[in-house]
PDB file of N, CA and C in Angstrom:
ATOM      1  N   MET A   1       2.244 -30.238 -81.515  1.00  0.00           N
ATOM      2  CA  MET A   1       1.721 -30.422 -82.851  1.00  0.00           C
ATOM      3  C   MET A   1       2.834 -30.035 -83.829  1.00  0.00           C
ATOM      4  N   TYR A   2       2.937 -30.792 -84.924  1.00  0.00           N
ATOM      5  CA  TYR A   2       3.924 -30.471 -85.941  1.00  0.00           C
ATOM      6  C   TYR A   2       3.372 -30.787 -87.323  1.00  0.00           C
ATOM      7  N   LEU A   3       4.062 -30.286 -88.340  1.00  0.00           N
ATOM      8  CA  LEU A   3       3.645 -30.445 -89.728  1.00  0.00           C
ATOM      9  C   LEU A   3       4.582 -31.440 -90.395  1.00  0.00           C
ATOM     10  N   LYS A   4       4.021 -32.579 -90.847  1.00  0.00           N
ATOM     11  CA  LYS A   4       4.805 -33.664 -91.431  1.00  0.00           C
ATOM     12  C   LYS A   4       4.636 -33.699 -92.944  1.00  0.00           C
ATOM     13  N   HIS A   5       5.765 -33.880 -93.652  1.00  0.00           N
ATOM     14  CA  HIS A   5       5.782 -33.998 -95.111  1.00  0.00           C
ATOM     15  C   HIS A   5       6.225 -35.407 -95.484  1.00  0.00           C
ATOM     16  N   ILE A   6       5.439 -36.067 -96.359  1.00  0.00           N
ATOM     17  CA  ILE A   6       5.786 -37.394 -96.872  1.00  0.00           C
ATOM     18  C   ILE A   6       5.864 -37.291 -98.387  1.00  0.00           C
ATOM     19  N   SER A   7       7.045 -37.562 -98.929  1.00  0.00           N
ATOM     20  CA  SER A   7       7.255 -37.488-100.374  1.00  0.00           C
ATOM     21  C   SER A   7       6.539 -38.634-101.075  1.00  0.00           C
ATOM     22  N   HIS A   8       5.863 -38.347-102.182  1.00  0.00           N
ATOM     23  CA  HIS A   8       5.182 -39.410-102.928  1.00  0.00           C
ATOM     24  C   HIS A   8       6.152 -40.163-103.838  1.00  0.00           C
ATOM     25  N   THR A   9       7.351 -39.647-104.041  1.00  0.00           N
ATOM     26  CA  THR A   9       8.305 -40.324-104.927  1.00  0.00           C
ATOM     27  C   THR A   9       9.178 -41.326-104.197  1.00  0.00           C
ATOM     28  N   ASP A  10       9.641 -40.983-102.990  1.00  0.00           N
ATOM     29  CA  ASP A  10      10.532 -41.910-102.280  1.00  0.00           C
ATOM     30  C   ASP A  10      10.080 -42.220-100.853  1.00  0.00           C
ATOM     31  N   SER A  11       8.907 -41.760-100.467  1.00  0.00           N
ATOM     32  CA  SER A  11       8.314 -41.994 -99.138  1.00  0.00           C
ATOM     33  C   SER A  11       9.140 -41.429 -97.988  1.00  0.00           C
ATOM     34  N   SER A  12      10.085 -40.544 -98.280  1.00  0.00           N
ATOM     35  CA  SER A  12      10.849 -39.922 -97.200  1.00  0.00           C
ATOM     36  C   SER A  12       9.924 -39.029 -96.376  1.00  0.00           C
ATOM     37  N   VAL A  13      10.252 -38.901 -95.097  1.00  0.00           N
ATOM     38  CA  VAL A  13       9.431 -38.134 -94.163  1.00  0.00           C
ATOM     39  C   VAL A  13      10.297 -37.059 -93.511  1.00  0.00           C
ATOM     40  N   ASP A  14       9.782 -35.843 -93.434  1.00  0.00           N
ATOM     41  CA  ASP A  14      10.486 -34.797 -92.706  1.00  0.00           C
ATOM     42  C   ASP A  14       9.481 -33.859 -92.046  1.00  0.00           C
ATOM     43  N   THR A  15       9.975 -33.092 -91.103  1.00  0.00           N
ATOM     44  CA  THR A  15       9.153 -32.133 -90.377  1.00  0.00           C
ATOM     45  C   THR A  15       9.320 -30.756 -91.003  1.00  0.00           C
ATOM     46  N   LEU A  16       8.210 -30.143 -91.378  1.00  0.00           N
ATOM     47  CA  LEU A  16       8.234 -28.812 -91.985  1.00  0.00           C
ATOM     48  C   LEU A  16       8.161 -27.705 -90.944  1.00  0.00           C
ATOM     49  N   ALA A  17       7.414 -27.927 -89.879  1.00  0.00           N
ATOM     50  CA  ALA A  17       7.217 -26.886 -88.869  1.00  0.00           C
ATOM     51  C   ALA A  17       6.812 -27.509 -87.543  1.00  0.00           C
ATOM     52  N   THR A  18       7.235 -26.866 -86.473  1.00  0.00           N
ATOM     53  CA  THR A  18       6.842 -27.295 -85.127  1.00  0.00           C
ATOM     54  C   THR A  18       6.060 -26.209 -84.391  1.00  0.00           C
ATOM     55  N   ASP A  19       6.092 -24.999 -84.909  1.00  0.00           N
ATOM     56  CA  ASP A  19       5.341 -23.877 -84.334  1.00  0.00           C
ATOM     57  C   ASP A  19       4.175 -23.579 -85.275  1.00  0.00           C
ATOM     58  N   ILE A  20       3.063 -24.265 -85.051  1.00  0.00           N
ATOM     59  CA  ILE A  20       1.929 -24.196 -85.972  1.00  0.00           C
ATOM     60  C   ILE A  20       0.815 -23.347 -85.369  1.00  0.00           C
ATOM     61  N   GLU A  21       0.347 -22.410 -86.171  1.00  0.00           N
ATOM     62  CA  GLU A  21      -0.798 -21.590 -85.781  1.00  0.00           C
ATOM     63  C   GLU A  21      -1.952 -21.934 -86.712  1.00  0.00           C
ATOM     64  N   ILE A  22      -3.097 -22.274 -86.136  1.00  0.00           N
ATOM     65  CA  ILE A  22      -4.299 -22.548 -86.911  1.00  0.00           C
ATOM     66  C   ILE A  22      -5.121 -21.261 -86.964  1.00  0.00           C
ATOM     67  N   ALA A  23      -5.411 -20.798 -88.168  1.00  0.00           N
ATOM     68  CA  ALA A  23      -6.274 -19.622 -88.340  1.00  0.00           C
ATOM     69  C   ALA A  23      -7.715 -20.104 -88.176  1.00  0.00           C
ATOM     70  N   ALA A  24      -8.226 -19.993 -86.956  1.00  0.00           N
ATOM     71  CA  ALA A  24      -9.494 -20.631 -86.611  1.00  0.00           C
ATOM     72  C   ALA A  24     -10.711 -19.715 -86.700  1.00  0.00           C
ATOM     73  N   THR A  25     -10.492 -18.425 -86.766  1.00  0.00           N
ATOM     74  CA  THR A  25     -11.624 -17.499 -86.799  1.00  0.00           C
ATOM     75  C   THR A  25     -11.650 -16.727 -88.111  1.00  0.00           C
ATOM     76  N   TRP A  26     -12.780 -16.093 -88.357  1.00  0.00           N
ATOM     77  CA  TRP A  26     -12.909 -15.276 -89.557  1.00  0.00           C
ATOM     78  C   TRP A  26     -11.842 -14.182 -89.575  1.00  0.00           C
ATOM     79  N   CYS A  27     -11.608 -13.562 -88.427  1.00  0.00           N
ATOM     80  CA  CYS A  27     -10.608 -12.482 -88.345  1.00  0.00           C
ATOM     81  C   CYS A  27      -9.202 -12.985 -88.639  1.00  0.00           C
ATOM     82  N   THR A  28      -8.834 -14.150 -88.109  1.00  0.00           N
ATOM     83  CA  THR A  28      -7.492 -14.676 -88.386  1.00  0.00           C
ATOM     84  C   THR A  28      -7.364 -15.124 -89.835  1.00  0.00           C
ATOM     85  N   HIS A  29      -8.450 -15.560 -90.436  1.00  0.00           N
ATOM     86  CA  HIS A  29      -8.430 -15.888 -91.872  1.00  0.00           C
ATOM     87  C   HIS A  29      -8.149 -14.638 -92.692  1.00  0.00           C
ATOM     88  N   ILE A  30      -8.813 -13.547 -92.348  1.00  0.00           N
ATOM     89  CA  ILE A  30      -8.643 -12.302 -93.097  1.00  0.00           C
ATOM     90  C   ILE A  30      -7.244 -11.723 -92.885  1.00  0.00           C
ATOM     91  N   ARG A  31      -6.773 -11.719 -91.654  1.00  0.00           N
ATOM     92  CA  ARG A  31      -5.478 -11.095 -91.357  1.00  0.00           C
ATOM     93  C   ARG A  31      -4.310 -11.920 -91.868  1.00  0.00           C
ATOM     94  N   GLY A  32      -4.358 -13.237 -91.700  1.00  0.00           N
ATOM     95  CA  GLY A  32      -3.248 -14.071 -92.150  1.00  0.00           C
ATOM     96  C   GLY A  32      -1.926 -13.581 -91.602  1.00  0.00           C
ATOM     97  N   LEU A  33      -0.958 -13.360 -92.489  1.00  0.00           N
ATOM     98  CA  LEU A  33       0.363 -12.882 -92.081  1.00  0.00           C
ATOM     99  C   LEU A  33       0.540 -11.374 -92.254  1.00  0.00           C
ATOM    100  N   MET A  34      -0.531 -10.676 -92.574  1.00  0.00           N
ATOM    101  CA  MET A  34      -0.406  -9.230 -92.766  1.00  0.00           C
ATOM    102  C   MET A  34       0.124  -8.556 -91.500  1.00  0.00           C
ATOM    103  N   PHE A  35       1.055  -7.634 -91.699  1.00  0.00           N
ATOM    104  CA  PHE A  35       1.641  -6.795 -90.652  1.00  0.00           C
ATOM    105  C   PHE A  35       2.562  -7.544 -89.694  1.00  0.00           C
ATOM    106  N   ARG A  36       2.837  -8.814 -89.934  1.00  0.00           N
ATOM    107  CA  ARG A  36       3.747  -9.565 -89.062  1.00  0.00           C
ATOM    108  C   ARG A  36       5.180  -9.407 -89.559  1.00  0.00           C
ATOM    109  N   ARG A  37       6.071  -9.183 -88.636  1.00  0.00           N
ATOM    110  CA  ARG A  37       7.482  -9.048 -89.001  1.00  0.00           C
ATOM    111  C   ARG A  37       8.245 -10.339 -88.732  1.00  0.00           C
ATOM    112  N   ASP A  38       7.742 -11.184 -87.857  1.00  0.00           N
ATOM    113  CA  ASP A  38       8.458 -12.411 -87.522  1.00  0.00           C
ATOM    114  C   ASP A  38       7.670 -13.630 -87.990  1.00  0.00           C
ATOM    115  N   PHE A  39       8.224 -14.303 -88.983  1.00  0.00           N
ATOM    116  CA  PHE A  39       7.667 -15.575 -89.458  1.00  0.00           C
ATOM    117  C   PHE A  39       8.872 -16.436 -89.810  1.00  0.00           C
ATOM    118  N   SER A  40       9.442 -17.056 -88.791  1.00  0.00           N
ATOM    119  CA  SER A  40      10.728 -17.721 -88.931  1.00  0.00           C
ATOM    120  C   SER A  40      10.577 -19.192 -89.309  1.00  0.00           C
ATOM    121  N   VAL A  41      11.697 -19.770 -89.755  1.00  0.00           N
ATOM    122  CA  VAL A  41      11.735 -21.191 -90.090  1.00  0.00           C
ATOM    123  C   VAL A  41      11.272 -21.978 -88.872  1.00  0.00           C
ATOM    124  N   GLY A  42      10.431 -22.960 -89.103  1.00  0.00           N
ATOM    125  CA  GLY A  42       9.821 -23.737 -88.032  1.00  0.00           C
ATOM    126  C   GLY A  42       8.383 -23.331 -87.765  1.00  0.00           C
ATOM    127  N   SER A  43       7.966 -22.206 -88.374  1.00  0.00           N
ATOM    128  CA  SER A  43       6.599 -21.703 -88.205  1.00  0.00           C
ATOM    129  C   SER A  43       5.723 -22.098 -89.385  1.00  0.00           C
ATOM    130  N   ALA A  44       4.426 -22.156 -89.146  1.00  0.00           N
ATOM    131  CA  ALA A  44       3.443 -22.390 -90.210  1.00  0.00           C
ATOM    132  C   ALA A  44       2.119 -21.773 -89.790  1.00  0.00           C
ATOM    133  N   LEU A  45       1.419 -21.220 -90.769  1.00  0.00           N
ATOM    134  CA  LEU A  45       0.059 -20.721 -90.553  1.00  0.00           C
ATOM    135  C   LEU A  45      -0.857 -21.580 -91.411  1.00  0.00           C
ATOM    136  N   VAL A  46      -1.842 -22.217 -90.776  1.00  0.00           N
ATOM    137  CA  VAL A  46      -2.705 -23.186 -91.450  1.00  0.00           C
ATOM    138  C   VAL A  46      -4.138 -22.673 -91.480  1.00  0.00           C
ATOM    139  N   PHE A  47      -4.722 -22.692 -92.680  1.00  0.00           N
ATOM    140  CA  PHE A  47      -6.124 -22.329 -92.893  1.00  0.00           C
ATOM    141  C   PHE A  47      -6.868 -23.605 -93.285  1.00  0.00           C
ATOM    142  N   GLN A  48      -7.813 -24.036 -92.458  1.00  0.00           N
ATOM    143  CA  GLN A  48      -8.592 -25.237 -92.752  1.00  0.00           C
ATOM    144  C   GLN A  48     -10.026 -24.840 -93.075  1.00  0.00           C
ATOM    145  N   PHE A  49     -10.580 -25.492 -94.088  1.00  0.00           N
ATOM    146  CA  PHE A  49     -11.935 -25.193 -94.550  1.00  0.00           C
ATOM    147  C   PHE A  49     -12.745 -26.486 -94.596  1.00  0.00           C
ATOM    148  N   ASP A  50     -14.075 -26.351 -94.644  1.00  0.00           N
ATOM    149  CA  ASP A  50     -14.941 -27.529 -94.618  1.00  0.00           C
ATOM    150  C   ASP A  50     -15.216 -28.117 -95.994  1.00  0.00           C
ATOM    151  N   ARG A  51     -14.725 -27.470 -97.054  1.00  0.00           N
ATOM    152  CA  ARG A  51     -14.936 -28.025 -98.393  1.00  0.00           C
ATOM    153  C   ARG A  51     -13.839 -27.551 -99.339  1.00  0.00           C
ATOM    154  N   VAL A  52     -13.723 -28.251-100.443  1.00  0.00           N
ATOM    155  CA  VAL A  52     -12.749 -27.903-101.473  1.00  0.00           C
ATOM    156  C   VAL A  52     -13.357 -26.862-102.403  1.00  0.00           C
ATOM    157  N   THR A  53     -12.650 -25.769-102.588  1.00  0.00           N
ATOM    158  CA  THR A  53     -13.027 -24.730-103.544  1.00  0.00           C
ATOM    159  C   THR A  53     -11.784 -23.894-103.836  1.00  0.00           C
ATOM    160  N   GLN A  54     -11.894 -22.934-104.747  1.00  0.00           N
ATOM    161  CA  GLN A  54     -10.775 -22.041-105.048  1.00  0.00           C
ATOM    162  C   GLN A  54     -10.428 -21.223-103.806  1.00  0.00           C
ATOM    163  N   ARG A  55      -9.161 -21.190-103.470  1.00  0.00           N
ATOM    164  CA  ARG A  55      -8.657 -20.410-102.339  1.00  0.00           C
ATOM    165  C   ARG A  55      -7.580 -19.466-102.865  1.00  0.00           C
ATOM    166  N   THR A  56      -7.730 -18.185-102.588  1.00  0.00           N
ATOM    167  CA  THR A  56      -6.783 -17.186-103.068  1.00  0.00           C
ATOM    168  C   THR A  56      -6.013 -16.593-101.896  1.00  0.00           C
ATOM    169  N   ILE A  57      -4.712 -16.490-102.070  1.00  0.00           N
ATOM    170  CA  ILE A  57      -3.835 -15.888-101.072  1.00  0.00           C
ATOM    171  C   ILE A  57      -3.208 -14.642-101.690  1.00  0.00           C
ATOM    172  N   HIS A  58      -3.293 -13.516-100.967  1.00  0.00           N
ATOM    173  CA  HIS A  58      -2.642 -12.281-101.431  1.00  0.00           C
ATOM    174  C   HIS A  58      -1.536 -11.913-100.450  1.00  0.00           C
ATOM    175  N   MET A  59      -0.625 -11.089-100.902  1.00  0.00           N
ATOM    176  CA  MET A  59       0.538 -10.729-100.088  1.00  0.00           C
ATOM    177  C   MET A  59       0.573  -9.250 -99.690  1.00  0.00           C
ATOM    178  N   LEU A  60      -0.522  -8.546 -99.857  1.00  0.00           N
ATOM    179  CA  LEU A  60      -0.573  -7.146 -99.466  1.00  0.00           C
ATOM    180  C   LEU A  60      -0.305  -7.017 -97.966  1.00  0.00           C
ATOM    181  N   PHE A  61       0.625  -6.175 -97.579  1.00  0.00           N
ATOM    182  CA  PHE A  61       1.039  -5.947 -96.196  1.00  0.00           C
ATOM    183  C   PHE A  61       1.720  -7.156 -95.555  1.00  0.00           C
ATOM    184  N   VAL A  62       2.215  -8.084 -96.370  1.00  0.00           N
ATOM    185  CA  VAL A  62       3.042  -9.188 -95.875  1.00  0.00           C
ATOM    186  C   VAL A  62       4.482  -8.813 -96.209  1.00  0.00           C
ATOM    187  N   TYR A  63       5.352  -8.795 -95.195  1.00  0.00           N
ATOM    188  CA  TYR A  63       6.675  -8.191 -95.325  1.00  0.00           C
ATOM    189  C   TYR A  63       7.761  -9.099 -95.893  1.00  0.00           C
ATOM    190  N   SER A  64       7.524 -10.386 -96.021  1.00  0.00           N
ATOM    191  CA  SER A  64       8.549 -11.274 -96.570  1.00  0.00           C
ATOM    192  C   SER A  64       7.908 -12.319 -97.477  1.00  0.00           C
ATOM    193  N   ASP A  65       8.716 -12.863 -98.394  1.00  0.00           N
ATOM    194  CA  ASP A  65       8.241 -13.925 -99.277  1.00  0.00           C
ATOM    195  C   ASP A  65       7.836 -15.135 -98.437  1.00  0.00           C
ATOM    196  N   ILE A  66       6.880 -15.907 -98.938  1.00  0.00           N
ATOM    197  CA  ILE A  66       6.466 -17.139 -98.260  1.00  0.00           C
ATOM    198  C   ILE A  66       6.242 -18.241 -99.283  1.00  0.00           C
ATOM    199  N   ASP A  67       6.265 -19.477 -98.811  1.00  0.00           N
ATOM    200  CA  ASP A  67       5.855 -20.631 -99.600  1.00  0.00           C
ATOM    201  C   ASP A  67       4.425 -20.972 -99.200  1.00  0.00           C
ATOM    202  N   VAL A  68       3.599 -21.316-100.179  1.00  0.00           N
ATOM    203  CA  VAL A  68       2.195 -21.630 -99.907  1.00  0.00           C
ATOM    204  C   VAL A  68       1.855 -22.990-100.502  1.00  0.00           C
ATOM    205  N   LEU A  69       1.165 -23.816 -99.703  1.00  0.00           N
ATOM    206  CA  LEU A  69       0.689 -25.127-100.140  1.00  0.00           C
ATOM    207  C   LEU A  69      -0.826 -25.123-100.135  1.00  0.00           C
ATOM    208  N   TRP A  70      -1.423 -25.641-101.197  1.00  0.00           N
ATOM    209  CA  TRP A  70      -2.859 -25.880-101.252  1.00  0.00           C
ATOM    210  C   TRP A  70      -3.036 -27.385-101.199  1.00  0.00           C
ATOM    211  N   LEU A  71      -3.836 -27.870-100.228  1.00  0.00           N
ATOM    212  CA  LEU A  71      -4.037 -29.303-100.036  1.00  0.00           C
ATOM    213  C   LEU A  71      -5.487 -29.685-100.243  1.00  0.00           C
ATOM    214  N   LYS A  72      -5.681 -30.919-100.677  1.00  0.00           N
ATOM    215  CA  LYS A  72      -6.999 -31.543-100.707  1.00  0.00           C
ATOM    216  C   LYS A  72      -6.839 -32.892-100.032  1.00  0.00           C
ATOM    217  N   ASP A  73      -7.491 -33.068 -98.891  1.00  0.00           N
ATOM    218  CA  ASP A  73      -7.369 -34.303 -98.105  1.00  0.00           C
ATOM    219  C   ASP A  73      -5.908 -34.654 -97.842  1.00  0.00           C
ATOM    220  N   ASP A  74      -5.125 -33.679 -97.409  1.00  0.00           N
ATOM    221  CA  ASP A  74      -3.703 -33.813 -97.055  1.00  0.00           C
ATOM    222  C   ASP A  74      -2.764 -34.016 -98.246  1.00  0.00           C
ATOM    223  N   ILE A  75      -3.264 -34.003 -99.464  1.00  0.00           N
ATOM    224  CA  ILE A  75      -2.431 -34.173-100.656  1.00  0.00           C
ATOM    225  C   ILE A  75      -2.161 -32.801-101.274  1.00  0.00           C
ATOM    226  N   VAL A  76      -0.890 -32.519-101.566  1.00  0.00           N
ATOM    227  CA  VAL A  76      -0.505 -31.228-102.139  1.00  0.00           C
ATOM    228  C   VAL A  76      -1.022 -31.124-103.567  1.00  0.00           C
ATOM    229  N   LYS A  77      -1.838 -30.100-103.811  1.00  0.00           N
ATOM    230  CA  LYS A  77      -2.360 -29.820-105.152  1.00  0.00           C
ATOM    231  C   LYS A  77      -1.550 -28.739-105.850  1.00  0.00           C
ATOM    232  N   LYS A  78      -0.965 -27.817-105.052  1.00  0.00           N
ATOM    233  CA  LYS A  78      -0.126 -26.762-105.617  1.00  0.00           C
ATOM    234  C   LYS A  78       0.831 -26.287-104.534  1.00  0.00           C
ATOM    235  N   CYS A  79       2.043 -25.976-104.943  1.00  0.00           N
ATOM    236  CA  CYS A  79       3.059 -25.432-104.050  1.00  0.00           C
ATOM    237  C   CYS A  79       3.755 -24.309-104.802  1.00  0.00           C
ATOM    238  N   THR A  80       3.780 -23.122-104.224  1.00  0.00           N
ATOM    239  CA  THR A  80       4.393 -21.985-104.912  1.00  0.00           C
ATOM    240  C   THR A  80       4.973 -21.000-103.908  1.00  0.00           C
ATOM    241  N   ARG A  81       5.907 -20.191-104.375  1.00  0.00           N
ATOM    242  CA  ARG A  81       6.457 -19.101-103.564  1.00  0.00           C
ATOM    243  C   ARG A  81       5.780 -17.808-103.984  1.00  0.00           C
ATOM    244  N   LEU A  82       5.315 -17.043-103.002  1.00  0.00           N
ATOM    245  CA  LEU A  82       4.694 -15.750-103.266  1.00  0.00           C
ATOM    246  C   LEU A  82       5.606 -14.636-102.763  1.00  0.00           C
ATOM    247  N   SER A  83       5.751 -13.605-103.572  1.00  0.00           N
ATOM    248  CA  SER A  83       6.601 -12.469-103.236  1.00  0.00           C
ATOM    249  C   SER A  83       5.892 -11.513-102.282  1.00  0.00           C
ATOM    250  N   ALA A  84       6.676 -10.955-101.374  1.00  0.00           N
ATOM    251  CA  ALA A  84       6.146  -9.979-100.424  1.00  0.00           C
ATOM    252  C   ALA A  84       5.474  -8.828-101.155  1.00  0.00           C
ATOM    253  N   TRP A  85       4.393  -8.353-100.585  1.00  0.00           N
ATOM    254  CA  TRP A  85       3.642  -7.177-101.022  1.00  0.00           C
ATOM    255  C   TRP A  85       2.800  -7.366-102.274  1.00  0.00           C
ATOM    256  N   TYR A  86       3.299  -8.004-103.318  1.00  0.00           N
ATOM    257  CA  TYR A  86       2.524  -8.041-104.564  1.00  0.00           C
ATOM    258  C   TYR A  86       2.192  -9.452-105.060  1.00  0.00           C
ATOM    259  N   GLY A  87       2.627 -10.485-104.380  1.00  0.00           N
ATOM    260  CA  GLY A  87       2.325 -11.848-104.809  1.00  0.00           C
ATOM    261  C   GLY A  87       0.857 -12.192-104.630  1.00  0.00           C
ATOM    262  N   ILE A  88       0.388 -13.075-105.493  1.00  0.00           N
ATOM    263  CA  ILE A  88      -0.981 -13.589-105.376  1.00  0.00           C
ATOM    264  C   ILE A  88      -0.989 -15.001-105.949  1.00  0.00           C
ATOM    265  N   GLY A  89      -1.711 -15.889-105.284  1.00  0.00           N
ATOM    266  CA  GLY A  89      -1.796 -17.265-105.750  1.00  0.00           C
ATOM    267  C   GLY A  89      -3.182 -17.815-105.506  1.00  0.00           C
ATOM    268  N   THR A  90      -3.572 -18.748-106.353  1.00  0.00           N
ATOM    269  CA  THR A  90      -4.895 -19.359-106.206  1.00  0.00           C
ATOM    270  C   THR A  90      -4.846 -20.809-106.662  1.00  0.00           C
ATOM    271  N   ALA A  91      -5.609 -21.633-105.993  1.00  0.00           N
ATOM    272  CA  ALA A  91      -5.745 -23.048-106.352  1.00  0.00           C
ATOM    273  C   ALA A  91      -6.909 -23.612-105.549  1.00  0.00           C
ATOM    274  N   GLU A  92      -7.343 -24.805-105.926  1.00  0.00           N
ATOM    275  CA  GLU A  92      -8.395 -25.477-105.165  1.00  0.00           C
ATOM    276  C   GLU A  92      -7.792 -26.194-103.973  1.00  0.00           C
ATOM    277  N   GLY A  93      -8.549 -26.218-102.882  1.00  0.00           N
ATOM    278  CA  GLY A  93      -8.099 -26.952-101.718  1.00  0.00           C
ATOM    279  C   GLY A  93      -9.067 -26.828-100.565  1.00  0.00           C
ATOM    280  N   ASP A  94      -8.883 -27.709 -99.576  1.00  0.00           N
ATOM    281  CA  ASP A  94      -9.634 -27.609 -98.328  1.00  0.00           C
ATOM    282  C   ASP A  94      -8.726 -27.154 -97.183  1.00  0.00           C
ATOM    283  N   THR A  95      -7.429 -27.028 -97.486  1.00  0.00           N
ATOM    284  CA  THR A  95      -6.446 -26.528 -96.531  1.00  0.00           C
ATOM    285  C   THR A  95      -5.413 -25.705 -97.289  1.00  0.00           C
ATOM    286  N   VAL A  96      -5.004 -24.588 -96.700  1.00  0.00           N
ATOM    287  CA  VAL A  96      -3.911 -23.779 -97.237  1.00  0.00           C
ATOM    288  C   VAL A  96      -2.899 -23.604 -96.114  1.00  0.00           C
ATOM    289  N   ILE A  97      -1.624 -23.834 -96.439  1.00  0.00           N
ATOM    290  CA  ILE A  97      -0.560 -23.708 -95.446  1.00  0.00           C
ATOM    291  C   ILE A  97       0.456 -22.688 -95.929  1.00  0.00           C
ATOM    292  N   GLU A  98       0.760 -21.716 -95.071  1.00  0.00           N
ATOM    293  CA  GLU A  98       1.783 -20.717 -95.363  1.00  0.00           C
ATOM    294  C   GLU A  98       3.024 -21.041 -94.542  1.00  0.00           C
ATOM    295  N   LEU A  99       4.169 -21.057 -95.223  1.00  0.00           N
ATOM    296  CA  LEU A  99       5.450 -21.397 -94.611  1.00  0.00           C
ATOM    297  C   LEU A  99       6.478 -20.320 -94.947  1.00  0.00           C
ATOM    298  N   PRO A 100       7.518 -20.175 -94.126  1.00  0.00           N
ATOM    299  CA  PRO A 100       8.580 -19.242 -94.486  1.00  0.00           C
ATOM    300  C   PRO A 100       9.211 -19.624 -95.830  1.00  0.00           C
ATOM    301  N   SER A 101       9.669 -18.634 -96.549  1.00  0.00           N
ATOM    302  CA  SER A 101      10.260 -18.847 -97.864  1.00  0.00           C
ATOM    303  C   SER A 101      11.416 -19.850 -97.804  1.00  0.00           C
ATOM    304  N   GLY A 102      11.385 -20.820 -98.713  1.00  0.00           N
ATOM    305  CA  GLY A 102      12.436 -21.824 -98.806  1.00  0.00           C
ATOM    306  C   GLY A 102      12.128 -23.133 -98.114  1.00  0.00           C
ATOM    307  N   VAL A 103      11.181 -23.142 -97.208  1.00  0.00           N
ATOM    308  CA  VAL A 103      10.863 -24.354 -96.447  1.00  0.00           C
ATOM    309  C   VAL A 103      10.245 -25.433 -97.328  1.00  0.00           C
ATOM    310  N   ALA A 104       9.467 -25.029 -98.321  1.00  0.00           N
ATOM    311  CA  ALA A 104       8.748 -25.996 -99.163  1.00  0.00           C
ATOM    312  C   ALA A 104       9.518 -26.377-100.427  1.00  0.00           C
ATOM    313  N   GLY A 105      10.808 -26.123-100.451  1.00  0.00           N
ATOM    314  CA  GLY A 105      11.602 -26.391-101.646  1.00  0.00           C
ATOM    315  C   GLY A 105      11.573 -27.830-102.123  1.00  0.00           C
ATOM    316  N   ALA A 106      11.447 -28.789-101.216  1.00  0.00           N
ATOM    317  CA  ALA A 106      11.454 -30.205-101.588  1.00  0.00           C
ATOM    318  C   ALA A 106      10.057 -30.782-101.765  1.00  0.00           C
ATOM    319  N   ILE A 107       9.031 -29.957-101.645  1.00  0.00           N
ATOM    320  CA  ILE A 107       7.651 -30.437-101.748  1.00  0.00           C
ATOM    321  C   ILE A 107       7.178 -30.334-103.185  1.00  0.00           C
ATOM    322  N   SER A 108       6.473 -31.374-103.634  1.00  0.00           N
ATOM    323  CA  SER A 108       5.918 -31.343-104.988  1.00  0.00           C
ATOM    324  C   SER A 108       4.464 -31.810-104.966  1.00  0.00           C
ATOM    325  N   THR A 109       3.766 -31.497-106.042  1.00  0.00           N
ATOM    326  CA  THR A 109       2.373 -31.911-106.185  1.00  0.00           C
ATOM    327  C   THR A 109       2.283 -33.423-106.017  1.00  0.00           C
ATOM    328  N   GLY A 110       1.315 -33.868-105.219  1.00  0.00           N
ATOM    329  CA  GLY A 110       1.132 -35.291-104.956  1.00  0.00           C
ATOM    330  C   GLY A 110       1.703 -35.743-103.629  1.00  0.00           C
ATOM    331  N   ASP A 111       2.569 -34.935-103.023  1.00  0.00           N
ATOM    332  CA  ASP A 111       3.105 -35.266-101.705  1.00  0.00           C
ATOM    333  C   ASP A 111       2.001 -35.135-100.654  1.00  0.00           C
ATOM    334  N   THR A 112       2.232 -35.725 -99.495  1.00  0.00           N
ATOM    335  CA  THR A 112       1.310 -35.630 -98.370  1.00  0.00           C
ATOM    336  C   THR A 112       1.884 -34.675 -97.330  1.00  0.00           C
ATOM    337  N   VAL A 113       1.053 -33.775 -96.835  1.00  0.00           N
ATOM    338  CA  VAL A 113       1.428 -32.884 -95.733  1.00  0.00           C
ATOM    339  C   VAL A 113       0.274 -32.914 -94.744  1.00  0.00           C
ATOM    340  N   ARG A 114       0.598 -33.218 -93.487  1.00  0.00           N
ATOM    341  CA  ARG A 114      -0.476 -33.279 -92.485  1.00  0.00           C
ATOM    342  C   ARG A 114      -0.008 -32.753 -91.139  1.00  0.00           C
ATOM    343  N   ILE A 115      -0.984 -32.293 -90.390  1.00  0.00           N
ATOM    344  CA  ILE A 115      -0.741 -31.854 -89.022  1.00  0.00           C
ATOM    345  C   ILE A 115      -0.813 -33.084 -88.128  1.00  0.00           C
ATOM    346  N   VAL A 116       0.210 -33.238 -87.286  1.00  0.00           N
ATOM    347  CA  VAL A 116       0.284 -34.390 -86.395  1.00  0.00           C
ATOM    348  C   VAL A 116       0.304 -33.883 -84.954  1.00  0.00           C
ATOM    349  N   ALA A 117      -0.529 -34.469 -84.111  1.00  0.00           N
ATOM    350  CA  ALA A 117      -0.528 -34.111 -82.693  1.00  0.00           C
ATOM    351  C   ALA A 117       0.746 -34.650 -82.053  1.00  0.00           C
ATOM    352  N   ASP A 118       1.287 -33.904 -81.089  1.00  0.00           N
ATOM    353  CA  ASP A 118       2.484 -34.372 -80.383  1.00  0.00           C
ATOM    354  C   ASP A 118       2.186 -35.688 -79.693  1.00  0.00           C
ATOM    355  N   ASP A 119       3.206 -36.540 -79.669  1.00  0.00           N
ATOM    356  CA  ASP A 119       3.054 -37.859 -79.027  1.00  0.00           C
ATOM    357  C   ASP A 119       3.125 -37.762 -77.530  1.00  0.00           C
TER     358      ASP A 119
END
């Protein structure tokens, strides 16, 4: 499984991550990246929800900066960098993706990001 990015401006395609973790339980949703020391380039933590609503991400006990994407039906609604320990971000979405800092530099609102099963 990998995370694919498609630019809405020039239709270019690139891979954002190949080591994808789906936060599938209530506990993994709550814990997120808290207390983790290793979140390297190529990794992604994905939170999927059954409906679109405000989703808030906090950085308490997260040791490094991260990039966060809020998606609605695979379309990027917001992309921002959150600072370790004190960052907080909120936006509407049915999916939230956390990436290592710097990975989402080329992503903009309106782009498509989706999880693709390995071929």
